[in-house]
């Protein structure tokens, strides 16, 4: 995948966190830490869109015996089990 160079600014607190991640040995560069954080945010958004879609489909169907909270718990369990989103 082609890389695009970006210049970003972070707070002192964010920089300290990035440095702690580097010190942990999990990452070799600042860029790796930031890319991992972006991937995590992308996954969270994908999961949220999936959950909202499932809840909306259930609401539209009108054939639901579960509360929204019960459905959400079920859909989250599906995400964990399937790990497809």
C-alpha atoms as a PDB file:
ATOM      1  CA  UNK A   1       0.000   0.000   0.000  1.00  0.00           C
ATOM      2  CA  UNK A   2       1.339   3.413  -0.922  1.00  0.00           C
ATOM      3  CA  UNK A   3       2.182   5.705   1.957  1.00  0.00           C
ATOM      4  CA  UNK A   4       1.301   9.382   2.015  1.00  0.00           C
ATOM      5  CA  UNK A   5       3.469  11.610   4.159  1.00  0.00           C
ATOM      6  CA  UNK A   6       1.582  13.767   6.676  1.00  0.00           C
ATOM      7  CA  UNK A   7       2.730  16.274   9.225  1.00  0.00           C
ATOM      8  CA  UNK A   8       0.719  16.376  12.444  1.00  0.00           C
ATOM      9  CA  UNK A   9       0.835  18.208  15.743  1.00  0.00           C
ATOM     10  CA  UNK A  10       0.128  16.510  19.061  1.00  0.00           C
ATOM     11  CA  UNK A  11      -0.176  17.746  22.615  1.00  0.00           C
ATOM     12  CA  UNK A  12       2.521  17.065  25.189  1.00  0.00           C
ATOM     13  CA  UNK A  13       0.255  14.479  26.802  1.00  0.00           C
ATOM     14  CA  UNK A  14      -0.315  12.717  23.464  1.00  0.00           C
ATOM     15  CA  UNK A  15       3.407  12.762  22.756  1.00  0.00           C
ATOM     16  CA  UNK A  16       4.120  11.243  26.169  1.00  0.00           C
ATOM     17  CA  UNK A  17       1.649   8.452  25.395  1.00  0.00           C
ATOM     18  CA  UNK A  18       3.240   7.829  21.996  1.00  0.00           C
ATOM     19  CA  UNK A  19       6.662   7.686  23.642  1.00  0.00           C
ATOM     20  CA  UNK A  20       5.358   5.214  26.236  1.00  0.00           C
ATOM     21  CA  UNK A  21       4.111   2.984  23.414  1.00  0.00           C
ATOM     22  CA  UNK A  22       7.544   3.119  21.790  1.00  0.00           C
ATOM     23  CA  UNK A  23       9.216   2.340  25.117  1.00  0.00           C
ATOM     24  CA  UNK A  24       6.958  -0.708  25.528  1.00  0.00           C
ATOM     25  CA  UNK A  25       8.601  -2.228  22.456  1.00  0.00           C
ATOM     26  CA  UNK A  26       5.312  -2.786  20.647  1.00  0.00           C
ATOM     27  CA  UNK A  27       6.111  -0.159  18.026  1.00  0.00           C
ATOM     28  CA  UNK A  28       9.293   1.028  16.359  1.00  0.00           C
ATOM     29  CA  UNK A  29       8.191   4.478  15.188  1.00  0.00           C
ATOM     30  CA  UNK A  30       5.740   7.254  15.965  1.00  0.00           C
ATOM     31  CA  UNK A  31       4.067   6.524  12.633  1.00  0.00           C
ATOM     32  CA  UNK A  32       3.349   2.920  13.617  1.00  0.00           C
ATOM     33  CA  UNK A  33       1.667   4.078  16.833  1.00  0.00           C
ATOM     34  CA  UNK A  34      -0.483   6.612  15.000  1.00  0.00           C
ATOM     35  CA  UNK A  35      -1.442   4.165  12.230  1.00  0.00           C
ATOM     36  CA  UNK A  36      -2.476   1.600  14.877  1.00  0.00           C
ATOM     37  CA  UNK A  37      -4.614   4.232  16.604  1.00  0.00           C
ATOM     38  CA  UNK A  38      -6.262   5.132  13.291  1.00  0.00           C
ATOM     39  CA  UNK A  39      -6.970   1.458  12.517  1.00  0.00           C
ATOM     40  CA  UNK A  40      -8.553   1.048  15.952  1.00  0.00           C
ATOM     41  CA  UNK A  41     -10.771   4.093  15.394  1.00  0.00           C
ATOM     42  CA  UNK A  42     -11.774   2.769  11.959  1.00  0.00           C
ATOM     43  CA  UNK A  43     -12.765  -0.591  13.497  1.00  0.00           C
ATOM     44  CA  UNK A  44     -14.786   1.180  16.188  1.00  0.00           C
ATOM     45  CA  UNK A  45     -16.649   3.201  13.566  1.00  0.00           C
ATOM     46  CA  UNK A  46     -17.285   0.095  11.450  1.00  0.00           C
ATOM     47  CA  UNK A  47     -18.668  -1.714  14.505  1.00  0.00           C
ATOM     48  CA  UNK A  48     -20.862   1.245  15.423  1.00  0.00           C
ATOM     49  CA  UNK A  49     -22.276   1.433  11.886  1.00  0.00           C
ATOM     50  CA  UNK A  50     -22.933  -2.317  11.961  1.00  0.00           C
ATOM     51  CA  UNK A  51     -24.725  -2.093  15.323  1.00  0.00           C
ATOM     52  CA  UNK A  52     -26.807   0.888  14.249  1.00  0.00           C
ATOM     53  CA  UNK A  53     -27.782  -0.898  11.049  1.00  0.00           C
ATOM     54  CA  UNK A  54     -28.840  -4.032  12.897  1.00  0.00           C
ATOM     55  CA  UNK A  55     -30.856  -2.052  15.439  1.00  0.00           C
ATOM     56  CA  UNK A  56     -32.565  -0.026  12.714  1.00  0.00           C
ATOM     57  CA  UNK A  57     -33.392  -3.166  10.698  1.00  0.00           C
ATOM     58  CA  UNK A  58     -34.893  -4.767  13.806  1.00  0.00           C
ATOM     59  CA  UNK A  59     -36.905  -1.637  14.561  1.00  0.00           C
ATOM     60  CA  UNK A  60     -38.252  -1.451  10.999  1.00  0.00           C
ATOM     61  CA  UNK A  61     -39.211  -5.120  10.989  1.00  0.00           C
ATOM     62  CA  UNK A  62     -41.581  -4.619  13.887  1.00  0.00           C
ATOM     63  CA  UNK A  63     -41.145  -8.291  14.786  1.00  0.00           C
ATOM     64  CA  UNK A  64     -38.845  -7.888  17.764  1.00  0.00           C
ATOM     65  CA  UNK A  65     -39.429  -9.371  21.206  1.00  0.00           C
ATOM     66  CA  UNK A  66     -36.200  -7.959  22.650  1.00  0.00           C
ATOM     67  CA  UNK A  67     -35.523  -4.541  24.111  1.00  0.00           C
ATOM     68  CA  UNK A  68     -33.000  -2.332  22.292  1.00  0.00           C
ATOM     69  CA  UNK A  69     -30.532  -3.060  25.098  1.00  0.00           C
ATOM     70  CA  UNK A  70     -30.968  -6.829  24.698  1.00  0.00           C
ATOM     71  CA  UNK A  71     -30.539  -6.568  20.934  1.00  0.00           C
ATOM     72  CA  UNK A  72     -27.436  -4.438  21.334  1.00  0.00           C
ATOM     73  CA  UNK A  73     -25.907  -6.988  23.720  1.00  0.00           C
ATOM     74  CA  UNK A  74     -26.704  -9.769  21.241  1.00  0.00           C
ATOM     75  CA  UNK A  75     -25.231  -7.863  18.281  1.00  0.00           C
ATOM     76  CA  UNK A  76     -22.069  -7.020  20.242  1.00  0.00           C
ATOM     77  CA  UNK A  77     -21.689 -10.707  21.127  1.00  0.00           C
ATOM     78  CA  UNK A  78     -22.020 -11.550  17.433  1.00  0.00           C
ATOM     79  CA  UNK A  79     -19.279  -9.052  16.587  1.00  0.00           C
ATOM     80  CA  UNK A  80     -16.942 -10.585  19.146  1.00  0.00           C
ATOM     81  CA  UNK A  81     -17.737 -14.117  18.025  1.00  0.00           C
ATOM     82  CA  UNK A  82     -17.528 -13.487  14.301  1.00  0.00           C
ATOM     83  CA  UNK A  83     -14.901 -10.715  14.272  1.00  0.00           C
ATOM     84  CA  UNK A  84     -15.998  -9.939  10.703  1.00  0.00           C
ATOM     85  CA  UNK A  85     -16.599  -6.214  11.053  1.00  0.00           C
END
